[in-house]
Each structure stands twice: as structure tokens, then as C-alpha cells.
């Protein structure tokens, strides 16, 4: 990366009329959250799963809520507790300041399930969580209870030696059956996508509203392994955007014309492009 890329990014940032944000797992890394890149990183975060030889793709599967609900909630409860105690890094606040004080309309597409954009102060109606949210639950029996937000006071007790959650486990307020996170997991045919579908409607209306404006797309930490956010940002840029900044310390390359690649983390990139604004 050279200084010229930063200058171009600063210019796009200062002159835009609206900003579309794409955020992958790399957005949370600067807050201290693991991105589970490779099984070694995942197993370092979860030693009991390493002992059992269970990799991320296998653990992030809804069948555990049927076969071993205490382990399922041990895994997702640990993640929930971690997300609750972790504060979003300063880059989130740079974006929020641009939105509020700069009066620049923003919409966020994120594959993260940590709720950190809401925690920073972004509104629900300007966020699409394409893989769902750990901050919302659904009934495992599909009894008709709509998706519900978790209690902010929830704290699951988890045995660190075996990653088993202690009873009582989260339950459905309507039928009392086991609850599960409203997250799209691997091989997940029971995920309730109604909340994300509603968010998608807002996303499409927002793009339609700002497609003829000076629209800046900024993508943070969205890799090629699960490319949902990466590909959507490219589509938005090609159909409605004026400038595209891809921020990624490992995969910042982009084959589209007139794009800006910043091979760095989200927090450092936002600090750099917002300086002297």
C-alpha cells in the first residue's frame, strides 16, 4: 500500500453523499474478537473442542441443539458472553460520528452476529445481518413464536473444562422448548430468516434511494472463504456506487476498475481515511 491509496480514500470519504458499509469477521478482530481463521485458531479459542477434534464448521451446526444442547449452548453461550463484554473498537465510532455529525446517510451489511453495530449506536433499521444475530433467539420446535431479542442481563454459566453450559438453558417464552440463536449455521434448514428478510427489504430500498448520489462503498474484513459480504459489496458498487474501498490485511485485492485497496485492519484504516476531516 502506498500513501496515494490513503489520499484517494480520504478524498472519497470527504466527498461522498452516502456510505454503504460491508463488514465481515475482520471488522471485529480489532475489538479483540477471534475470527476462527483455520482450525488452529479455532481450537486455541476452544481447547475442549480441540480435544474432541471438532472443527468450527462442524460445531456451527444446528444438530448439536438436538444431540447435545448443553454443548451447543456452551459454544454459543461462550460467544455471547464474549460479545457482551467486548467493546467495539474506535473504528465503529469513527463511522458513527461520520453518520451523526457529518450527516452522511449510512447502511450496514454485516455477516457478523455480534450486534456490535447496534452496540455502537447504529439503528436497527440501517443494518442487515445476513447470517442472523446471536442477540436474537428462535424456538427450536418452531411453535409459532416470532424471533425475540435476548435479555441484556443474560449470562450463561459455562464449564471451561468441557464447554458445557449449566442448566437452565434458554427457552421459548411461548412453549417452553429449547431456544437457539437466530443464526444461519451450516446445514441449517430450520433457520428463521424472517428478521433478516425484513432487513433485506430495507437494504434494497436504501440502495434504490442513494444509487444516483455520490455513493461510497467501504468493505471491512470480508474474506473469500464465505464471500457473501464481499460479493454483495461488489454488486452494489457496480450497480449504484461511485467509489469502492476494500479494507483487508490479507485479501484487499479487487478486480474491478477504479477501486482502492487498503491492506490493513479496519481500525487503522478508518483512522487513516478520517484524519484531517
C-alpha atoms as a PDB file:
ATOM      1  CA  UNK A   1       0.000   0.000   0.000  1.00  0.00           C
ATOM      2  CA  UNK A   2       1.233   3.493  -0.732  1.00  0.00           C
ATOM      3  CA  UNK A   3       0.246   6.878   0.614  1.00  0.00           C
ATOM      4  CA  UNK A   4      -1.537   7.636  -2.634  1.00  0.00           C
ATOM      5  CA  UNK A   5      -4.156   4.986  -1.806  1.00  0.00           C
ATOM      6  CA  UNK A   6      -4.815   6.668   1.533  1.00  0.00           C
ATOM      7  CA  UNK A   7      -5.148  10.070  -0.166  1.00  0.00           C
ATOM      8  CA  UNK A   8      -7.639   8.669  -2.678  1.00  0.00           C
ATOM      9  CA  UNK A   9      -9.595   7.029   0.151  1.00  0.00           C
ATOM     10  CA  UNK A  10      -9.625  10.279   2.146  1.00  0.00           C
ATOM     11  CA  UNK A  11     -10.971  12.152  -0.883  1.00  0.00           C
ATOM     12  CA  UNK A  12     -13.741   9.605  -1.447  1.00  0.00           C
ATOM     13  CA  UNK A  13     -14.593   9.707   2.269  1.00  0.00           C
ATOM     14  CA  UNK A  14     -14.770  13.512   2.396  1.00  0.00           C
ATOM     15  CA  UNK A  15     -16.769  14.000  -0.820  1.00  0.00           C
ATOM     16  CA  UNK A  16     -19.374  11.228  -0.592  1.00  0.00           C
ATOM     17  CA  UNK A  17     -23.117  11.818  -0.136  1.00  0.00           C
ATOM     18  CA  UNK A  18     -23.815   8.410   1.411  1.00  0.00           C
ATOM     19  CA  UNK A  19     -21.842   5.369   2.609  1.00  0.00           C
ATOM     20  CA  UNK A  20     -22.632   1.671   2.261  1.00  0.00           C
ATOM     21  CA  UNK A  21     -20.632  -0.414   4.742  1.00  0.00           C
ATOM     22  CA  UNK A  22     -19.828  -4.092   4.297  1.00  0.00           C
ATOM     23  CA  UNK A  23     -18.378  -5.793   7.369  1.00  0.00           C
ATOM     24  CA  UNK A  24     -17.000  -9.315   7.665  1.00  0.00           C
ATOM     25  CA  UNK A  25     -15.254 -11.127  10.510  1.00  0.00           C
ATOM     26  CA  UNK A  26     -12.192  -8.898  10.153  1.00  0.00           C
ATOM     27  CA  UNK A  27     -14.225  -5.930  11.402  1.00  0.00           C
ATOM     28  CA  UNK A  28     -14.361  -7.447  14.871  1.00  0.00           C
ATOM     29  CA  UNK A  29     -10.746  -8.589  15.103  1.00  0.00           C
ATOM     30  CA  UNK A  30      -9.533  -5.148  16.181  1.00  0.00           C
ATOM     31  CA  UNK A  31     -12.009  -5.304  19.066  1.00  0.00           C
ATOM     32  CA  UNK A  32     -10.264  -8.448  20.260  1.00  0.00           C
ATOM     33  CA  UNK A  33     -12.725 -10.969  18.817  1.00  0.00           C
ATOM     34  CA  UNK A  34     -11.419 -14.185  17.219  1.00  0.00           C
ATOM     35  CA  UNK A  35     -12.083 -14.719  13.511  1.00  0.00           C
ATOM     36  CA  UNK A  36     -11.629 -18.518  13.705  1.00  0.00           C
ATOM     37  CA  UNK A  37      -9.351 -18.455  10.650  1.00  0.00           C
ATOM     38  CA  UNK A  38      -8.185 -22.062  10.319  1.00  0.00           C
ATOM     39  CA  UNK A  39      -8.811 -24.835  12.797  1.00  0.00           C
ATOM     40  CA  UNK A  40      -5.684 -23.987  14.817  1.00  0.00           C
ATOM     41  CA  UNK A  41      -7.097 -20.537  15.674  1.00  0.00           C
ATOM     42  CA  UNK A  42     -10.494 -22.010  16.462  1.00  0.00           C
ATOM     43  CA  UNK A  43      -9.081 -24.740  18.670  1.00  0.00           C
ATOM     44  CA  UNK A  44      -6.903 -22.231  20.505  1.00  0.00           C
ATOM     45  CA  UNK A  45     -10.099 -20.372  21.437  1.00  0.00           C
ATOM     46  CA  UNK A  46     -11.909 -23.597  22.364  1.00  0.00           C
ATOM     47  CA  UNK A  47      -9.489 -26.210  23.823  1.00  0.00           C
ATOM     48  CA  UNK A  48     -12.273 -28.680  24.773  1.00  0.00           C
ATOM     49  CA  UNK A  49     -13.350 -28.823  21.114  1.00  0.00           C
ATOM     50  CA  UNK A  50      -9.723 -29.397  20.113  1.00  0.00           C
ATOM     51  CA  UNK A  51      -9.625 -32.413  22.422  1.00  0.00           C
ATOM     52  CA  UNK A  52     -12.781 -33.751  20.767  1.00  0.00           C
ATOM     53  CA  UNK A  53     -11.450 -32.921  17.287  1.00  0.00           C
ATOM     54  CA  UNK A  54     -14.479 -30.772  16.452  1.00  0.00           C
ATOM     55  CA  UNK A  55     -13.781 -28.008  13.913  1.00  0.00           C
ATOM     56  CA  UNK A  56     -15.733 -24.754  13.515  1.00  0.00           C
ATOM     57  CA  UNK A  57     -17.792 -25.880  10.520  1.00  0.00           C
ATOM     58  CA  UNK A  58     -18.863 -28.969  12.456  1.00  0.00           C
ATOM     59  CA  UNK A  59     -19.643 -27.127  15.699  1.00  0.00           C
ATOM     60  CA  UNK A  60     -21.607 -24.352  13.970  1.00  0.00           C
ATOM     61  CA  UNK A  61     -24.343 -26.813  13.073  1.00  0.00           C
ATOM     62  CA  UNK A  62     -27.888 -26.891  14.482  1.00  0.00           C
ATOM     63  CA  UNK A  63     -27.849 -30.646  15.087  1.00  0.00           C
ATOM     64  CA  UNK A  64     -25.982 -30.051  18.359  1.00  0.00           C
ATOM     65  CA  UNK A  65     -29.077 -28.401  19.848  1.00  0.00           C
ATOM     66  CA  UNK A  66     -30.849 -31.748  19.423  1.00  0.00           C
ATOM     67  CA  UNK A  67     -27.994 -34.118  20.226  1.00  0.00           C
ATOM     68  CA  UNK A  68     -26.104 -32.208  22.920  1.00  0.00           C
ATOM     69  CA  UNK A  69     -27.872 -28.948  23.842  1.00  0.00           C
ATOM     70  CA  UNK A  70     -25.537 -28.196  26.746  1.00  0.00           C
ATOM     71  CA  UNK A  71     -22.514 -28.309  24.404  1.00  0.00           C
ATOM     72  CA  UNK A  72     -24.383 -26.272  21.772  1.00  0.00           C
ATOM     73  CA  UNK A  73     -25.179 -23.586  24.326  1.00  0.00           C
ATOM     74  CA  UNK A  74     -21.691 -23.884  25.791  1.00  0.00           C
ATOM     75  CA  UNK A  75     -20.267 -22.872  22.423  1.00  0.00           C
ATOM     76  CA  UNK A  76     -22.790 -20.166  21.553  1.00  0.00           C
ATOM     77  CA  UNK A  77     -23.096 -19.033  25.161  1.00  0.00           C
ATOM     78  CA  UNK A  78     -19.338 -18.509  25.333  1.00  0.00           C
ATOM     79  CA  UNK A  79     -19.512 -16.434  22.169  1.00  0.00           C
ATOM     80  CA  UNK A  80     -22.469 -14.462  23.512  1.00  0.00           C
ATOM     81  CA  UNK A  81     -20.668 -13.721  26.789  1.00  0.00           C
ATOM     82  CA  UNK A  82     -17.582 -12.656  24.832  1.00  0.00           C
ATOM     83  CA  UNK A  83     -19.569 -10.338  22.550  1.00  0.00           C
ATOM     84  CA  UNK A  84     -21.312  -8.780  25.544  1.00  0.00           C
ATOM     85  CA  UNK A  85     -18.135  -7.951  27.455  1.00  0.00           C
ATOM     86  CA  UNK A  86     -16.135  -6.792  24.399  1.00  0.00           C
ATOM     87  CA  UNK A  87     -16.373  -3.144  23.399  1.00  0.00           C
ATOM     88  CA  UNK A  88     -16.471  -2.206  19.688  1.00  0.00           C
ATOM     89  CA  UNK A  89     -13.167  -0.670  18.608  1.00  0.00           C
ATOM     90  CA  UNK A  90     -12.795   3.018  17.798  1.00  0.00           C
ATOM     91  CA  UNK A  91     -13.350   2.463  14.078  1.00  0.00           C
ATOM     92  CA  UNK A  92     -17.037   1.817  14.773  1.00  0.00           C
ATOM     93  CA  UNK A  93     -17.236   5.203  16.475  1.00  0.00           C
ATOM     94  CA  UNK A  94     -15.480   6.921  13.543  1.00  0.00           C
ATOM     95  CA  UNK A  95     -18.270   5.618  11.313  1.00  0.00           C
ATOM     96  CA  UNK A  96     -20.981   6.642  13.771  1.00  0.00           C
ATOM     97  CA  UNK A  97     -19.516  10.144  14.046  1.00  0.00           C
ATOM     98  CA  UNK A  98     -19.495  10.469  10.257  1.00  0.00           C
ATOM     99  CA  UNK A  99     -23.143   9.379  10.216  1.00  0.00           C
ATOM    100  CA  UNK A 100     -24.315  11.672  13.020  1.00  0.00           C
ATOM    101  CA  UNK A 101     -22.088  14.741  12.928  1.00  0.00           C
ATOM    102  CA  UNK A 102     -21.343  14.602   9.210  1.00  0.00           C
ATOM    103  CA  UNK A 103     -24.995  13.928   8.457  1.00  0.00           C
ATOM    104  CA  UNK A 104     -23.969  11.242   5.960  1.00  0.00           C
ATOM    105  CA  UNK A 105     -26.613   8.522   5.416  1.00  0.00           C
ATOM    106  CA  UNK A 106     -25.265   5.018   6.050  1.00  0.00           C
ATOM    107  CA  UNK A 107     -26.386   1.440   5.693  1.00  0.00           C
ATOM    108  CA  UNK A 108     -24.533  -1.570   7.086  1.00  0.00           C
ATOM    109  CA  UNK A 109     -24.393  -5.095   5.655  1.00  0.00           C
ATOM    110  CA  UNK A 110     -22.619  -7.455   8.023  1.00  0.00           C
ATOM    111  CA  UNK A 111     -22.054 -11.189   8.272  1.00  0.00           C
ATOM    112  CA  UNK A 112     -21.119 -10.761  11.928  1.00  0.00           C
ATOM    113  CA  UNK A 113     -23.607 -11.939  14.537  1.00  0.00           C
ATOM    114  CA  UNK A 114     -22.178  -9.961  17.474  1.00  0.00           C
ATOM    115  CA  UNK A 115     -24.548  -6.969  17.447  1.00  0.00           C
ATOM    116  CA  UNK A 116     -21.622  -4.539  17.694  1.00  0.00           C
ATOM    117  CA  UNK A 117     -23.007  -2.010  15.220  1.00  0.00           C
ATOM    118  CA  UNK A 118     -26.148  -1.714  17.380  1.00  0.00           C
ATOM    119  CA  UNK A 119     -23.968  -1.629  20.491  1.00  0.00           C
ATOM    120  CA  UNK A 120     -22.046   1.319  18.998  1.00  0.00           C
ATOM    121  CA  UNK A 121     -25.236   3.273  18.371  1.00  0.00           C
ATOM    122  CA  UNK A 122     -26.365   2.423  14.834  1.00  0.00           C
ATOM    123  CA  UNK A 123     -30.105   1.987  14.446  1.00  0.00           C
ATOM    124  CA  UNK A 124     -31.763  -1.341  13.733  1.00  0.00           C
ATOM    125  CA  UNK A 125     -33.303  -0.018  10.507  1.00  0.00           C
ATOM    126  CA  UNK A 126     -29.901   0.738   8.962  1.00  0.00           C
ATOM    127  CA  UNK A 127     -28.380  -2.721   9.452  1.00  0.00           C
ATOM    128  CA  UNK A 128     -28.732  -6.011   7.588  1.00  0.00           C
ATOM    129  CA  UNK A 129     -27.278  -9.048   9.367  1.00  0.00           C
ATOM    130  CA  UNK A 130     -27.138 -11.541   6.520  1.00  0.00           C
ATOM    131  CA  UNK A 131     -26.283 -14.502   8.782  1.00  0.00           C
ATOM    132  CA  UNK A 132     -28.661 -13.525  11.571  1.00  0.00           C
ATOM    133  CA  UNK A 133     -27.789 -12.425  15.090  1.00  0.00           C
ATOM    134  CA  UNK A 134     -26.701 -14.051  18.330  1.00  0.00           C
ATOM    135  CA  UNK A 135     -28.600 -11.254  20.044  1.00  0.00           C
ATOM    136  CA  UNK A 136     -31.890 -12.845  18.937  1.00  0.00           C
ATOM    137  CA  UNK A 137     -33.367 -16.304  19.583  1.00  0.00           C
ATOM    138  CA  UNK A 138     -35.823 -18.621  17.887  1.00  0.00           C
ATOM    139  CA  UNK A 139     -37.740 -21.666  19.132  1.00  0.00           C
ATOM    140  CA  UNK A 140     -36.198 -24.996  18.161  1.00  0.00           C
ATOM    141  CA  UNK A 141     -39.676 -26.531  17.871  1.00  0.00           C
ATOM    142  CA  UNK A 142     -40.907 -23.797  15.507  1.00  0.00           C
ATOM    143  CA  UNK A 143     -44.037 -23.393  17.639  1.00  0.00           C
ATOM    144  CA  UNK A 144     -45.040 -20.090  16.044  1.00  0.00           C
ATOM    145  CA  UNK A 145     -43.234 -17.827  18.492  1.00  0.00           C
ATOM    146  CA  UNK A 146     -41.658 -14.976  16.469  1.00  0.00           C
ATOM    147  CA  UNK A 147     -37.939 -14.275  16.781  1.00  0.00           C
ATOM    148  CA  UNK A 148     -37.298 -12.475  20.052  1.00  0.00           C
ATOM    149  CA  UNK A 149     -34.407 -10.347  21.363  1.00  0.00           C
ATOM    150  CA  UNK A 150     -32.395 -11.764  24.223  1.00  0.00           C
ATOM    151  CA  UNK A 151     -32.358 -10.190  27.637  1.00  0.00           C
ATOM    152  CA  UNK A 152     -29.273  -7.975  28.026  1.00  0.00           C
ATOM    153  CA  UNK A 153     -28.897  -9.453  31.516  1.00  0.00           C
ATOM    154  CA  UNK A 154     -28.452 -12.999  30.225  1.00  0.00           C
ATOM    155  CA  UNK A 155     -25.175 -14.602  31.252  1.00  0.00           C
ATOM    156  CA  UNK A 156     -24.763 -18.298  30.636  1.00  0.00           C
ATOM    157  CA  UNK A 157     -22.626 -20.249  33.086  1.00  0.00           C
ATOM    158  CA  UNK A 158     -20.205 -22.480  31.181  1.00  0.00           C
ATOM    159  CA  UNK A 159     -17.751 -25.074  32.456  1.00  0.00           C
ATOM    160  CA  UNK A 160     -14.411 -24.124  30.833  1.00  0.00           C
ATOM    161  CA  UNK A 161     -13.092 -27.696  31.146  1.00  0.00           C
ATOM    162  CA  UNK A 162     -15.718 -29.289  28.898  1.00  0.00           C
ATOM    163  CA  UNK A 163     -17.559 -26.284  27.396  1.00  0.00           C
ATOM    164  CA  UNK A 164     -20.898 -27.488  28.748  1.00  0.00           C
ATOM    165  CA  UNK A 165     -23.459 -24.828  29.668  1.00  0.00           C
ATOM    166  CA  UNK A 166     -25.172 -25.170  33.014  1.00  0.00           C
ATOM    167  CA  UNK A 167     -28.938 -25.532  33.303  1.00  0.00           C
ATOM    168  CA  UNK A 168     -31.317 -23.846  32.807  1.00  0.00           C
ATOM    169  CA  UNK A 169     -30.701 -23.308  29.104  1.00  0.00           C
ATOM    170  CA  UNK A 170     -32.515 -20.523  27.184  1.00  0.00           C
ATOM    171  CA  UNK A 171     -36.108 -21.485  26.419  1.00  0.00           C
ATOM    172  CA  UNK A 172     -39.000 -20.324  24.264  1.00  0.00           C
ATOM    173  CA  UNK A 173     -41.303 -17.861  26.077  1.00  0.00           C
ATOM    174  CA  UNK A 174     -44.353 -19.353  24.338  1.00  0.00           C
ATOM    175  CA  UNK A 175     -43.968 -23.135  24.589  1.00  0.00           C
ATOM    176  CA  UNK A 176     -41.004 -23.585  26.941  1.00  0.00           C
ATOM    177  CA  UNK A 177     -38.980 -25.631  24.457  1.00  0.00           C
ATOM    178  CA  UNK A 178     -35.263 -25.114  23.963  1.00  0.00           C
ATOM    179  CA  UNK A 179     -34.259 -21.841  22.272  1.00  0.00           C
ATOM    180  CA  UNK A 180     -31.428 -21.480  19.790  1.00  0.00           C
ATOM    181  CA  UNK A 181     -29.674 -18.431  18.355  1.00  0.00           C
ATOM    182  CA  UNK A 182     -31.263 -16.877  15.278  1.00  0.00           C
ATOM    183  CA  UNK A 183     -28.041 -17.529  13.358  1.00  0.00           C
ATOM    184  CA  UNK A 184     -27.725 -19.160   9.957  1.00  0.00           C
ATOM    185  CA  UNK A 185     -25.479 -22.140  10.684  1.00  0.00           C
ATOM    186  CA  UNK A 186     -24.016 -24.753   8.375  1.00  0.00           C
ATOM    187  CA  UNK A 187     -26.593 -27.257   7.021  1.00  0.00           C
ATOM    188  CA  UNK A 188     -29.267 -25.164   8.694  1.00  0.00           C
ATOM    189  CA  UNK A 189     -32.709 -25.836   7.230  1.00  0.00           C
ATOM    190  CA  UNK A 190     -34.589 -24.633  10.325  1.00  0.00           C
ATOM    191  CA  UNK A 191     -33.192 -21.096  10.470  1.00  0.00           C
ATOM    192  CA  UNK A 192     -35.952 -18.500  10.719  1.00  0.00           C
ATOM    193  CA  UNK A 193     -34.929 -15.884   8.154  1.00  0.00           C
ATOM    194  CA  UNK A 194     -37.884 -13.521   8.628  1.00  0.00           C
ATOM    195  CA  UNK A 195     -35.906 -10.887  10.540  1.00  0.00           C
ATOM    196  CA  UNK A 196     -33.070 -10.872   8.006  1.00  0.00           C
ATOM    197  CA  UNK A 197     -35.608 -10.803   5.148  1.00  0.00           C
ATOM    198  CA  UNK A 198     -37.153  -7.649   6.627  1.00  0.00           C
ATOM    199  CA  UNK A 199     -33.675  -6.140   6.881  1.00  0.00           C
ATOM    200  CA  UNK A 200     -33.043  -7.053   3.243  1.00  0.00           C
ATOM    201  CA  UNK A 201     -36.135  -5.088   2.197  1.00  0.00           C
ATOM    202  CA  UNK A 202     -34.730  -2.006   3.968  1.00  0.00           C
ATOM    203  CA  UNK A 203     -31.332  -2.587   2.347  1.00  0.00           C
ATOM    204  CA  UNK A 204     -32.839  -2.684  -1.154  1.00  0.00           C
ATOM    205  CA  UNK A 205     -34.902   0.473  -0.541  1.00  0.00           C
ATOM    206  CA  UNK A 206     -31.830   2.283   0.792  1.00  0.00           C
ATOM    207  CA  UNK A 207     -29.746   1.382  -2.281  1.00  0.00           C
ATOM    208  CA  UNK A 208     -32.561   2.496  -4.558  1.00  0.00           C
ATOM    209  CA  UNK A 209     -32.725   5.828  -2.729  1.00  0.00           C
ATOM    210  CA  UNK A 210     -28.997   6.593  -2.964  1.00  0.00           C
ATOM    211  CA  UNK A 211     -27.930   4.938  -6.208  1.00  0.00           C
ATOM    212  CA  UNK A 212     -27.888   8.253  -8.084  1.00  0.00           C
ATOM    213  CA  UNK A 213     -25.918  10.008  -5.342  1.00  0.00           C
ATOM    214  CA  UNK A 214     -22.170  10.022  -4.735  1.00  0.00           C
ATOM    215  CA  UNK A 215     -22.270   6.643  -3.012  1.00  0.00           C
ATOM    216  CA  UNK A 216     -19.144   5.283  -1.324  1.00  0.00           C
ATOM    217  CA  UNK A 217     -18.863   1.560  -0.592  1.00  0.00           C
ATOM    218  CA  UNK A 218     -16.404   0.589   2.147  1.00  0.00           C
ATOM    219  CA  UNK A 219     -15.793  -3.089   2.857  1.00  0.00           C
ATOM    220  CA  UNK A 220     -14.017  -4.216   6.035  1.00  0.00           C
ATOM    221  CA  UNK A 221     -12.501  -7.625   6.681  1.00  0.00           C
ATOM    222  CA  UNK A 222     -14.722  -9.610   4.308  1.00  0.00           C
ATOM    223  CA  UNK A 223     -12.708 -12.544   3.011  1.00  0.00           C
ATOM    224  CA  UNK A 224     -13.168 -15.026   0.187  1.00  0.00           C
ATOM    225  CA  UNK A 225     -13.847 -18.075   2.375  1.00  0.00           C
ATOM    226  CA  UNK A 226     -17.510 -17.128   2.901  1.00  0.00           C
ATOM    227  CA  UNK A 227     -17.811 -14.320   0.325  1.00  0.00           C
ATOM    228  CA  UNK A 228     -21.385 -13.115   0.945  1.00  0.00           C
ATOM    229  CA  UNK A 229     -20.422  -9.601   2.051  1.00  0.00           C
ATOM    230  CA  UNK A 230     -17.548  -9.315  -0.420  1.00  0.00           C
ATOM    231  CA  UNK A 231     -19.688 -10.196  -3.433  1.00  0.00           C
ATOM    232  CA  UNK A 232     -22.611  -8.020  -2.324  1.00  0.00           C
ATOM    233  CA  UNK A 233     -20.336  -5.003  -1.957  1.00  0.00           C
ATOM    234  CA  UNK A 234     -19.013  -5.561  -5.469  1.00  0.00           C
ATOM    235  CA  UNK A 235     -22.570  -5.817  -6.814  1.00  0.00           C
ATOM    236  CA  UNK A 236     -23.622  -2.601  -5.060  1.00  0.00           C
ATOM    237  CA  UNK A 237     -20.551  -0.815  -6.428  1.00  0.00           C
ATOM    238  CA  UNK A 238     -21.198  -1.971  -9.986  1.00  0.00           C
ATOM    239  CA  UNK A 239     -24.897  -1.077  -9.917  1.00  0.00           C
ATOM    240  CA  UNK A 240     -25.015   2.018  -7.732  1.00  0.00           C
ATOM    241  CA  UNK A 241     -21.620   3.099  -6.368  1.00  0.00           C
ATOM    242  CA  UNK A 242     -19.139   5.837  -7.248  1.00  0.00           C
ATOM    243  CA  UNK A 243     -16.179   4.706  -5.139  1.00  0.00           C
ATOM    244  CA  UNK A 244     -15.180   1.412  -3.556  1.00  0.00           C
ATOM    245  CA  UNK A 245     -12.634   0.960  -0.754  1.00  0.00           C
ATOM    246  CA  UNK A 246     -11.700  -2.620   0.195  1.00  0.00           C
ATOM    247  CA  UNK A 247     -10.022  -2.885   3.609  1.00  0.00           C
ATOM    248  CA  UNK A 248      -8.448  -6.246   4.367  1.00  0.00           C
ATOM    249  CA  UNK A 249      -4.956  -7.044   5.710  1.00  0.00           C
ATOM    250  CA  UNK A 250      -4.775 -10.296   3.708  1.00  0.00           C
ATOM    251  CA  UNK A 251      -7.250 -10.086   0.817  1.00  0.00           C
ATOM    252  CA  UNK A 252      -7.523  -6.451  -0.220  1.00  0.00           C
ATOM    253  CA  UNK A 253      -7.228  -7.061  -3.954  1.00  0.00           C
ATOM    254  CA  UNK A 254     -10.155  -6.244  -6.221  1.00  0.00           C
ATOM    255  CA  UNK A 255     -10.526  -6.854  -9.937  1.00  0.00           C
ATOM    256  CA  UNK A 256     -12.993  -4.036 -10.502  1.00  0.00           C
ATOM    257  CA  UNK A 257     -11.975  -0.708 -12.026  1.00  0.00           C
ATOM    258  CA  UNK A 258     -11.235   2.423 -10.012  1.00  0.00           C
ATOM    259  CA  UNK A 259     -11.241   0.694  -6.629  1.00  0.00           C
ATOM    260  CA  UNK A 260      -8.998   1.452  -3.657  1.00  0.00           C
ATOM    261  CA  UNK A 261      -7.294  -1.407  -1.810  1.00  0.00           C
ATOM    262  CA  UNK A 262      -6.077  -0.866   1.743  1.00  0.00           C
ATOM    263  CA  UNK A 263      -4.168  -3.892   3.097  1.00  0.00           C
ATOM    264  CA  UNK A 264      -4.701  -3.054   6.765  1.00  0.00           C
ATOM    265  CA  UNK A 265      -7.105  -3.594   9.641  1.00  0.00           C
ATOM    266  CA  UNK A 266     -10.428  -1.807   9.957  1.00  0.00           C
ATOM    267  CA  UNK A 267      -9.498   0.360  12.942  1.00  0.00           C
ATOM    268  CA  UNK A 268      -6.249   1.625  11.397  1.00  0.00           C
ATOM    269  CA  UNK A 269      -7.899   2.196   8.020  1.00  0.00           C
ATOM    270  CA  UNK A 270     -10.716   4.269   9.475  1.00  0.00           C
ATOM    271  CA  UNK A 271      -8.263   6.308  11.499  1.00  0.00           C
ATOM    272  CA  UNK A 272      -6.208   6.952   8.368  1.00  0.00           C
ATOM    273  CA  UNK A 273      -9.014   7.902   5.991  1.00  0.00           C
ATOM    274  CA  UNK A 274     -10.832  10.100   8.517  1.00  0.00           C
ATOM    275  CA  UNK A 275      -7.776  12.145   9.549  1.00  0.00           C
ATOM    276  CA  UNK A 276      -7.994  15.885   8.958  1.00  0.00           C
ATOM    277  CA  UNK A 277     -11.708  15.622   8.206  1.00  0.00           C
END
